[in-house]
Amino acid sequence: MEKRGEASSNVSTEKVKALERRLILEGFGKGNTAALEEGIGSDAIDNSVPPGMSPGLAGAKEFIMAFRSAFPDLSYTISDAGQTGSSREA
């Protein structure tokens, strides 16, 4: 998803990791769509939603609810969060 108007460099790597963890564990893992509101702006554009779903935050909520309906017993465990940054080898 893209978020208009806000530079991503203003958010720390640890904050992004915590938000991603919450979206996965709470949103997909428990169906808590309120967790999405923390990380997805109301003006977000999601170009990957399946056909027939609303764009933006509403579509993300619809997708999670459909996903949870299809896989109600699914659970997530995050054992290692990837390293992000701008390190580069020559």
PDB file of N, CA and C in Angstrom:
ATOM      1  N   MET A   1       0.833  -1.177   0.000  1.00  0.00           N
ATOM      2  CA  MET A   1       0.000   0.000   0.000  1.00  0.00           C
ATOM      3  C   MET A   1       0.877   1.239   0.000  1.00  0.00           C
ATOM      4  N   GLU A   2       0.418   2.239  -0.668  1.00  0.00           N
ATOM      5  CA  GLU A   2       1.106   3.516  -0.673  1.00  0.00           C
ATOM      6  C   GLU A   2       0.362   4.451   0.261  1.00  0.00           C
ATOM      7  N   LYS A   3       1.103   5.302   0.919  1.00  0.00           N
ATOM      8  CA  LYS A   3       0.461   6.323   1.712  1.00  0.00           C
ATOM      9  C   LYS A   3       0.906   7.660   1.170  1.00  0.00           C
ATOM     10  N   ARG A   4      -0.022   8.481   0.822  1.00  0.00           N
ATOM     11  CA  ARG A   4       0.300   9.764   0.223  1.00  0.00           C
ATOM     12  C   ARG A   4       0.658  10.794   1.276  1.00  0.00           C
ATOM     13  N   GLY A   5       1.649  11.648   0.936  1.00  0.00           N
ATOM     14  CA  GLY A   5       1.906  12.833   1.731  1.00  0.00           C
ATOM     15  C   GLY A   5       2.807  12.673   2.938  1.00  0.00           C
ATOM     16  N   GLU A   6       3.200  11.484   3.314  1.00  0.00           N
ATOM     17  CA  GLU A   6       4.012  11.317   4.517  1.00  0.00           C
ATOM     18  C   GLU A   6       5.280  10.557   4.168  1.00  0.00           C
ATOM     19  N   ALA A   7       6.422  11.142   4.489  1.00  0.00           N
ATOM     20  CA  ALA A   7       7.700  10.503   4.170  1.00  0.00           C
ATOM     21  C   ALA A   7       7.955   9.328   5.099  1.00  0.00           C
ATOM     22  N   SER A   8       8.328   8.195   4.512  1.00  0.00           N
ATOM     23  CA  SER A   8       8.569   7.005   5.317  1.00  0.00           C
ATOM     24  C   SER A   8       9.827   7.127   6.154  1.00  0.00           C
ATOM     25  N   SER A   9      10.730   8.045   5.827  1.00  0.00           N
ATOM     26  CA  SER A   9      11.973   8.195   6.576  1.00  0.00           C
ATOM     27  C   SER A   9      11.739   8.773   7.967  1.00  0.00           C
ATOM     28  N   ASN A  10      10.534   9.250   8.244  1.00  0.00           N
ATOM     29  CA  ASN A  10      10.222   9.815   9.555  1.00  0.00           C
ATOM     30  C   ASN A  10       9.915   8.748  10.595  1.00  0.00           C
ATOM     31  N   VAL A  11       9.819   7.505  10.188  1.00  0.00           N
ATOM     32  CA  VAL A  11       9.447   6.423  11.091  1.00  0.00           C
ATOM     33  C   VAL A  11      10.663   5.524  11.318  1.00  0.00           C
ATOM     34  N   SER A  12      10.934   5.208  12.575  1.00  0.00           N
ATOM     35  CA  SER A  12      12.098   4.374  12.896  1.00  0.00           C
ATOM     36  C   SER A  12      11.884   2.935  12.453  1.00  0.00           C
ATOM     37  N   THR A  13      12.987   2.238  12.210  1.00  0.00           N
ATOM     38  CA  THR A  13      12.938   0.841  11.807  1.00  0.00           C
ATOM     39  C   THR A  13      12.236   0.000  12.868  1.00  0.00           C
ATOM     40  N   GLU A  14      12.511   0.238  14.116  1.00  0.00           N
ATOM     41  CA  GLU A  14      11.891  -0.540  15.192  1.00  0.00           C
ATOM     42  C   GLU A  14      10.390  -0.296  15.260  1.00  0.00           C
ATOM     43  N   LYS A  15       9.976   0.925  14.998  1.00  0.00           N
ATOM     44  CA  LYS A  15       8.545   1.225  15.014  1.00  0.00           C
ATOM     45  C   LYS A  15       7.845   0.508  13.855  1.00  0.00           C
ATOM     46  N   VAL A  16       8.494   0.479  12.703  1.00  0.00           N
ATOM     47  CA  VAL A  16       7.930  -0.214  11.543  1.00  0.00           C
ATOM     48  C   VAL A  16       7.822  -1.712  11.832  1.00  0.00           C
ATOM     49  N   LYS A  17       8.870  -2.300  12.420  1.00  0.00           N
ATOM     50  CA  LYS A  17       8.840  -3.726  12.761  1.00  0.00           C
ATOM     51  C   LYS A  17       7.716  -4.033  13.739  1.00  0.00           C
ATOM     52  N   ALA A  18       7.538  -3.172  14.751  1.00  0.00           N
ATOM     53  CA  ALA A  18       6.480  -3.386  15.742  1.00  0.00           C
ATOM     54  C   ALA A  18       5.106  -3.290  15.085  1.00  0.00           C
ATOM     55  N   LEU A  19       4.959  -2.349  14.177  1.00  0.00           N
ATOM     56  CA  LEU A  19       3.687  -2.198  13.477  1.00  0.00           C
ATOM     57  C   LEU A  19       3.406  -3.398  12.583  1.00  0.00           C
ATOM     58  N   GLU A  20       4.409  -3.857  11.845  1.00  0.00           N
ATOM     59  CA  GLU A  20       4.246  -5.039  10.997  1.00  0.00           C
ATOM     60  C   GLU A  20       3.875  -6.262  11.829  1.00  0.00           C
ATOM     61  N   ARG A  21       4.538  -6.416  12.966  1.00  0.00           N
ATOM     62  CA  ARG A  21       4.251  -7.535  13.871  1.00  0.00           C
ATOM     63  C   ARG A  21       2.790  -7.469  14.337  1.00  0.00           C
ATOM     64  N   ARG A  22       2.342  -6.286  14.709  1.00  0.00           N
ATOM     65  CA  ARG A  22       0.957  -6.121  15.178  1.00  0.00           C
ATOM     66  C   ARG A  22      -0.037  -6.413  14.059  1.00  0.00           C
ATOM     67  N   LEU A  23       0.255  -5.932  12.850  1.00  0.00           N
ATOM     68  CA  LEU A  23      -0.646  -6.184  11.727  1.00  0.00           C
ATOM     69  C   LEU A  23      -0.784  -7.680  11.455  1.00  0.00           C
ATOM     70  N   ILE A  24       0.322  -8.400  11.523  1.00  0.00           N
ATOM     71  CA  ILE A  24       0.286  -9.837  11.259  1.00  0.00           C
ATOM     72  C   ILE A  24      -0.382 -10.595  12.406  1.00  0.00           C
ATOM     73  N   LEU A  25       0.096 -10.371  13.630  1.00  0.00           N
ATOM     74  CA  LEU A  25      -0.420 -11.135  14.767  1.00  0.00           C
ATOM     75  C   LEU A  25      -1.855 -10.765  15.132  1.00  0.00           C
ATOM     76  N   GLU A  26      -2.150  -9.481  15.157  1.00  0.00           N
ATOM     77  CA  GLU A  26      -3.497  -9.040  15.537  1.00  0.00           C
ATOM     78  C   GLU A  26      -4.468  -9.076  14.351  1.00  0.00           C
ATOM     79  N   GLY A  27      -4.040  -8.525  13.224  1.00  0.00           N
ATOM     80  CA  GLY A  27      -4.931  -8.450  12.062  1.00  0.00           C
ATOM     81  C   GLY A  27      -5.219  -9.812  11.467  1.00  0.00           C
ATOM     82  N   PHE A  28      -4.188 -10.448  10.931  1.00  0.00           N
ATOM     83  CA  PHE A  28      -4.385 -11.758  10.301  1.00  0.00           C
ATOM     84  C   PHE A  28      -4.569 -12.859  11.341  1.00  0.00           C
ATOM     85  N   GLY A  29      -3.803 -12.820  12.427  1.00  0.00           N
ATOM     86  CA  GLY A  29      -3.853 -13.894  13.418  1.00  0.00           C
ATOM     87  C   GLY A  29      -5.125 -13.936  14.238  1.00  0.00           C
ATOM     88  N   LYS A  30      -5.669 -12.763  14.570  1.00  0.00           N
ATOM     89  CA  LYS A  30      -6.850 -12.719  15.439  1.00  0.00           C
ATOM     90  C   LYS A  30      -8.061 -12.069  14.788  1.00  0.00           C
ATOM     91  N   GLY A  31      -7.881 -11.523  13.585  1.00  0.00           N
ATOM     92  CA  GLY A  31      -8.997 -10.861  12.929  1.00  0.00           C
ATOM     93  C   GLY A  31      -9.323  -9.499  13.498  1.00  0.00           C
ATOM     94  N   ASN A  32      -8.386  -8.902  14.209  1.00  0.00           N
ATOM     95  CA  ASN A  32      -8.581  -7.588  14.817  1.00  0.00           C
ATOM     96  C   ASN A  32      -8.307  -6.509  13.774  1.00  0.00           C
ATOM     97  N   THR A  33      -9.334  -6.086  13.076  1.00  0.00           N
ATOM     98  CA  THR A  33      -9.142  -5.111  12.005  1.00  0.00           C
ATOM     99  C   THR A  33      -8.810  -3.717  12.535  1.00  0.00           C
ATOM    100  N   ALA A  34      -9.047  -3.468  13.816  1.00  0.00           N
ATOM    101  CA  ALA A  34      -8.669  -2.178  14.397  1.00  0.00           C
ATOM    102  C   ALA A  34      -7.155  -1.984  14.343  1.00  0.00           C
ATOM    103  N   ALA A  35      -6.402  -3.079  14.346  1.00  0.00           N
ATOM    104  CA  ALA A  35      -4.948  -2.996  14.253  1.00  0.00           C
ATOM    105  C   ALA A  35      -4.519  -2.370  12.928  1.00  0.00           C
ATOM    106  N   LEU A  36      -5.328  -2.534  11.907  1.00  0.00           N
ATOM    107  CA  LEU A  36      -5.007  -1.956  10.600  1.00  0.00           C
ATOM    108  C   LEU A  36      -5.050  -0.441  10.628  1.00  0.00           C
ATOM    109  N   GLU A  37      -5.925   0.104  11.429  1.00  0.00           N
ATOM    110  CA  GLU A  37      -6.096   1.555  11.471  1.00  0.00           C
ATOM    111  C   GLU A  37      -4.838   2.265  11.966  1.00  0.00           C
ATOM    112  N   GLU A  38      -4.008   1.565  12.735  1.00  0.00           N
ATOM    113  CA  GLU A  38      -2.762   2.151  13.208  1.00  0.00           C
ATOM    114  C   GLU A  38      -1.735   2.283  12.093  1.00  0.00           C
ATOM    115  N   GLY A  39      -1.750   1.338  11.160  1.00  0.00           N
ATOM    116  CA  GLY A  39      -0.692   1.303  10.167  1.00  0.00           C
ATOM    117  C   GLY A  39      -1.088   1.670   8.758  1.00  0.00           C
ATOM    118  N   ILE A  40      -2.383   1.764   8.518  1.00  0.00           N
ATOM    119  CA  ILE A  40      -2.843   2.084   7.170  1.00  0.00           C
ATOM    120  C   ILE A  40      -3.687   3.344   7.249  1.00  0.00           C
ATOM    121  N   GLY A  41      -3.251   4.367   6.570  1.00  0.00           N
ATOM    122  CA  GLY A  41      -3.974   5.627   6.580  1.00  0.00           C
ATOM    123  C   GLY A  41      -5.285   5.533   5.818  1.00  0.00           C
ATOM    124  N   SER A  42      -6.212   6.379   6.165  1.00  0.00           N
ATOM    125  CA  SER A  42      -7.514   6.366   5.504  1.00  0.00           C
ATOM    126  C   SER A  42      -7.402   6.755   4.034  1.00  0.00           C
ATOM    127  N   ASP A  43      -6.285   7.384   3.659  1.00  0.00           N
ATOM    128  CA  ASP A  43      -6.089   7.784   2.265  1.00  0.00           C
ATOM    129  C   ASP A  43      -5.160   6.826   1.520  1.00  0.00           C
ATOM    130  N   ALA A  44      -4.895   5.660   2.085  1.00  0.00           N
ATOM    131  CA  ALA A  44      -4.007   4.678   1.459  1.00  0.00           C
ATOM    132  C   ALA A  44      -4.638   4.111   0.192  1.00  0.00           C
ATOM    133  N   ILE A  45      -3.776   3.726  -0.731  1.00  0.00           N
ATOM    134  CA  ILE A  45      -4.229   3.105  -1.976  1.00  0.00           C
ATOM    135  C   ILE A  45      -3.617   1.716  -2.032  1.00  0.00           C
ATOM    136  N   ASP A  46      -4.448   0.706  -2.125  1.00  0.00           N
ATOM    137  CA  ASP A  46      -3.969  -0.677  -2.214  1.00  0.00           C
ATOM    138  C   ASP A  46      -4.254  -1.191  -3.611  1.00  0.00           C
ATOM    139  N   ASN A  47      -3.212  -1.407  -4.372  1.00  0.00           N
ATOM    140  CA  ASN A  47      -3.374  -1.887  -5.733  1.00  0.00           C
ATOM    141  C   ASN A  47      -3.395  -3.409  -5.818  1.00  0.00           C
ATOM    142  N   SER A  48      -3.368  -4.085  -4.689  1.00  0.00           N
ATOM    143  CA  SER A  48      -3.292  -5.542  -4.701  1.00  0.00           C
ATOM    144  C   SER A  48      -4.541  -6.235  -4.157  1.00  0.00           C
ATOM    145  N   VAL A  49      -5.580  -5.480  -3.831  1.00  0.00           N
ATOM    146  CA  VAL A  49      -6.783  -6.131  -3.299  1.00  0.00           C
ATOM    147  C   VAL A  49      -7.437  -6.979  -4.386  1.00  0.00           C
ATOM    148  N   PRO A  50      -8.011  -8.102  -3.994  1.00  0.00           N
ATOM    149  CA  PRO A  50      -8.704  -8.952  -4.964  1.00  0.00           C
ATOM    150  C   PRO A  50      -9.895  -8.221  -5.593  1.00  0.00           C
ATOM    151  N   PRO A  51     -10.284  -8.633  -6.791  1.00  0.00           N
ATOM    152  CA  PRO A  51     -11.430  -8.013  -7.450  1.00  0.00           C
ATOM    153  C   PRO A  51     -12.686  -8.065  -6.576  1.00  0.00           C
ATOM    154  N   GLY A  52     -13.435  -6.992  -6.596  1.00  0.00           N
ATOM    155  CA  GLY A  52     -14.683  -6.935  -5.846  1.00  0.00           C
ATOM    156  C   GLY A  52     -14.537  -6.360  -4.447  1.00  0.00           C
ATOM    157  N   MET A  53     -13.298  -6.139  -3.985  1.00  0.00           N
ATOM    158  CA  MET A  53     -13.097  -5.565  -2.658  1.00  0.00           C
ATOM    159  C   MET A  53     -12.818  -4.065  -2.788  1.00  0.00           C
ATOM    160  N   SER A  54     -13.181  -3.349  -1.763  1.00  0.00           N
ATOM    161  CA  SER A  54     -12.982  -1.903  -1.752  1.00  0.00           C
ATOM    162  C   SER A  54     -11.504  -1.557  -1.736  1.00  0.00           C
ATOM    163  N   PRO A  55     -11.145  -0.402  -2.264  1.00  0.00           N
ATOM    164  CA  PRO A  55      -9.743   0.024  -2.188  1.00  0.00           C
ATOM    165  C   PRO A  55      -9.426   0.577  -0.792  1.00  0.00           C
ATOM    166  N   GLY A  56      -8.161   0.694  -0.483  1.00  0.00           N
ATOM    167  CA  GLY A  56      -7.728   1.332   0.753  1.00  0.00           C
ATOM    168  C   GLY A  56      -7.993   0.511   2.000  1.00  0.00           C
ATOM    169  N   LEU A  57      -8.174   1.227   3.098  1.00  0.00           N
ATOM    170  CA  LEU A  57      -8.355   0.611   4.412  1.00  0.00           C
ATOM    171  C   LEU A  57      -9.565  -0.319   4.448  1.00  0.00           C
ATOM    172  N   ALA A  58     -10.661   0.095   3.833  1.00  0.00           N
ATOM    173  CA  ALA A  58     -11.866  -0.749   3.829  1.00  0.00           C
ATOM    174  C   ALA A  58     -11.596  -2.092   3.143  1.00  0.00           C
ATOM    175  N   GLY A  59     -10.856  -2.069   2.038  1.00  0.00           N
ATOM    176  CA  GLY A  59     -10.523  -3.305   1.331  1.00  0.00           C
ATOM    177  C   GLY A  59      -9.611  -4.198   2.134  1.00  0.00           C
ATOM    178  N   ALA A  60      -8.652  -3.590   2.844  1.00  0.00           N
ATOM    179  CA  ALA A  60      -7.752  -4.371   3.693  1.00  0.00           C
ATOM    180  C   ALA A  60      -8.537  -5.080   4.796  1.00  0.00           C
ATOM    181  N   LYS A  61      -9.504  -4.379   5.381  1.00  0.00           N
ATOM    182  CA  LYS A  61     -10.350  -4.994   6.413  1.00  0.00           C
ATOM    183  C   LYS A  61     -11.188  -6.132   5.824  1.00  0.00           C
ATOM    184  N   GLU A  62     -11.762  -5.893   4.644  1.00  0.00           N
ATOM    185  CA  GLU A  62     -12.551  -6.933   3.986  1.00  0.00           C
ATOM    186  C   GLU A  62     -11.691  -8.164   3.700  1.00  0.00           C
ATOM    187  N   PHE A  63     -10.464  -7.931   3.237  1.00  0.00           N
ATOM    188  CA  PHE A  63      -9.566  -9.031   2.913  1.00  0.00           C
ATOM    189  C   PHE A  63      -9.241  -9.853   4.154  1.00  0.00           C
ATOM    190  N   ILE A  64      -8.930  -9.193   5.249  1.00  0.00           N
ATOM    191  CA  ILE A  64      -8.600  -9.922   6.479  1.00  0.00           C
ATOM    192  C   ILE A  64      -9.799 -10.723   6.970  1.00  0.00           C
ATOM    193  N   MET A  65     -10.981 -10.155   6.910  1.00  0.00           N
ATOM    194  CA  MET A  65     -12.164 -10.888   7.368  1.00  0.00           C
ATOM    195  C   MET A  65     -12.436 -12.095   6.473  1.00  0.00           C
ATOM    196  N   ALA A  66     -12.246 -11.936   5.164  1.00  0.00           N
ATOM    197  CA  ALA A  66     -12.433 -13.071   4.250  1.00  0.00           C
ATOM    198  C   ALA A  66     -11.368 -14.134   4.498  1.00  0.00           C
ATOM    199  N   PHE A  67     -10.142 -13.703   4.731  1.00  0.00           N
ATOM    200  CA  PHE A  67      -9.033 -14.614   5.008  1.00  0.00           C
ATOM    201  C   PHE A  67      -9.297 -15.396   6.287  1.00  0.00           C
ATOM    202  N   ARG A  68      -9.739 -14.697   7.327  1.00  0.00           N
ATOM    203  CA  ARG A  68     -10.034 -15.349   8.615  1.00  0.00           C
ATOM    204  C   ARG A  68     -11.219 -16.314   8.480  1.00  0.00           C
ATOM    205  N   SER A  69     -12.181 -15.992   7.634  1.00  0.00           N
ATOM    206  CA  SER A  69     -13.316 -16.897   7.416  1.00  0.00           C
ATOM    207  C   SER A  69     -12.871 -18.172   6.716  1.00  0.00           C
ATOM    208  N   ALA A  70     -11.933 -18.017   5.778  1.00  0.00           N
ATOM    209  CA  ALA A  70     -11.439 -19.177   5.035  1.00  0.00           C
ATOM    210  C   ALA A  70     -10.520 -20.052   5.886  1.00  0.00           C
ATOM    211  N   PHE A  71      -9.765 -19.437   6.783  1.00  0.00           N
ATOM    212  CA  PHE A  71      -8.795 -20.162   7.617  1.00  0.00           C
ATOM    213  C   PHE A  71      -8.971 -19.769   9.086  1.00  0.00           C
ATOM    214  N   PRO A  72     -10.062 -20.163   9.723  1.00  0.00           N
ATOM    215  CA  PRO A  72     -10.345 -19.717  11.092  1.00  0.00           C
ATOM    216  C   PRO A  72      -9.360 -20.240  12.140  1.00  0.00           C
ATOM    217  N   ASP A  73      -8.691 -21.349  11.872  1.00  0.00           N
ATOM    218  CA  ASP A  73      -7.775 -21.921  12.849  1.00  0.00           C
ATOM    219  C   ASP A  73      -6.320 -21.497  12.635  1.00  0.00           C
ATOM    220  N   LEU A  74      -6.095 -20.650  11.662  1.00  0.00           N
ATOM    221  CA  LEU A  74      -4.746 -20.226  11.336  1.00  0.00           C
ATOM    222  C   LEU A  74      -4.145 -19.420  12.483  1.00  0.00           C
ATOM    223  N   SER A  75      -2.892 -19.694  12.788  1.00  0.00           N
ATOM    224  CA  SER A  75      -2.191 -18.884  13.785  1.00  0.00           C
ATOM    225  C   SER A  75      -0.809 -18.542  13.245  1.00  0.00           C
ATOM    226  N   TYR A  76      -0.277 -17.456  13.699  1.00  0.00           N
ATOM    227  CA  TYR A  76       1.029 -16.969  13.245  1.00  0.00           C
ATOM    228  C   TYR A  76       2.015 -16.952  14.399  1.00  0.00           C
ATOM    229  N   THR A  77       3.267 -17.216  14.075  1.00  0.00           N
ATOM    230  CA  THR A  77       4.375 -17.066  15.009  1.00  0.00           C
ATOM    231  C   THR A  77       5.480 -16.352  14.258  1.00  0.00           C
ATOM    232  N   ILE A  78       5.968 -15.284  14.819  1.00  0.00           N
ATOM    233  CA  ILE A  78       7.083 -14.572  14.205  1.00  0.00           C
ATOM    234  C   ILE A  78       8.312 -14.925  15.017  1.00  0.00           C
ATOM    235  N   SER A  79       9.210 -15.678  14.413  1.00  0.00           N
ATOM    236  CA  SER A  79      10.393 -16.108  15.144  1.00  0.00           C
ATOM    237  C   SER A  79      11.595 -15.207  14.900  1.00  0.00           C
ATOM    238  N   ASP A  80      11.603 -14.491  13.767  1.00  0.00           N
ATOM    239  CA  ASP A  80      12.731 -13.621  13.462  1.00  0.00           C
ATOM    240  C   ASP A  80      12.271 -12.543  12.498  1.00  0.00           C
ATOM    241  N   ALA A  81      12.462 -11.312  12.882  1.00  0.00           N
ATOM    242  CA  ALA A  81      12.114 -10.205  11.992  1.00  0.00           C
ATOM    243  C   ALA A  81      13.330  -9.857  11.161  1.00  0.00           C
ATOM    244  N   GLY A  82      13.120  -9.633   9.894  1.00  0.00           N
ATOM    245  CA  GLY A  82      14.230  -9.323   8.988  1.00  0.00           C
ATOM    246  C   GLY A  82      14.887  -7.995   9.291  1.00  0.00           C
ATOM    247  N   GLN A  83      16.132  -7.903   8.932  1.00  0.00           N
ATOM    248  CA  GLN A  83      16.879  -6.664   9.108  1.00  0.00           C
ATOM    249  C   GLN A  83      16.573  -5.747   7.931  1.00  0.00           C
ATOM    250  N   THR A  84      16.238  -4.522   8.222  1.00  0.00           N
ATOM    251  CA  THR A  84      16.030  -3.552   7.165  1.00  0.00           C
ATOM    252  C   THR A  84      17.092  -2.481   7.263  1.00  0.00           C
ATOM    253  N   GLY A  85      17.332  -1.817   6.199  1.00  0.00           N
ATOM    254  CA  GLY A  85      18.331  -0.759   6.215  1.00  0.00           C
ATOM    255  C   GLY A  85      18.898  -0.541   4.847  1.00  0.00           C
ATOM    256  N   SER A  86      19.943   0.238   4.780  1.00  0.00           N
ATOM    257  CA  SER A  86      20.493   0.588   3.474  1.00  0.00           C
ATOM    258  C   SER A  86      21.932   0.100   3.308  1.00  0.00           C
ATOM    259  N   SER A  87      22.309  -0.995   3.990  1.00  0.00           N
ATOM    260  CA  SER A  87      23.665  -1.504   3.814  1.00  0.00           C
ATOM    261  C   SER A  87      23.797  -2.088   2.407  1.00  0.00           C
ATOM    262  N   ARG A  88      24.955  -1.903   1.815  1.00  0.00           N
ATOM    263  CA  ARG A  88      25.147  -2.339   0.443  1.00  0.00           C
ATOM    264  C   ARG A  88      26.595  -2.786   0.254  1.00  0.00           C
ATOM    265  N   GLU A  89      26.770  -3.906  -0.413  1.00  0.00           N
ATOM    266  CA  GLU A  89      28.128  -4.400  -0.688  1.00  0.00           C
ATOM    267  C   GLU A  89      28.492  -4.036  -2.103  1.00  0.00           C
ATOM    268  N   ALA A  90      29.779  -3.691  -2.302  1.00  0.00           N
ATOM    269  CA  ALA A  90      30.252  -3.349  -3.655  1.00  0.00           C
ATOM    270  C   ALA A  90      30.650  -4.597  -4.400  1.00  0.00           C
TER     271      ALA A  90
END
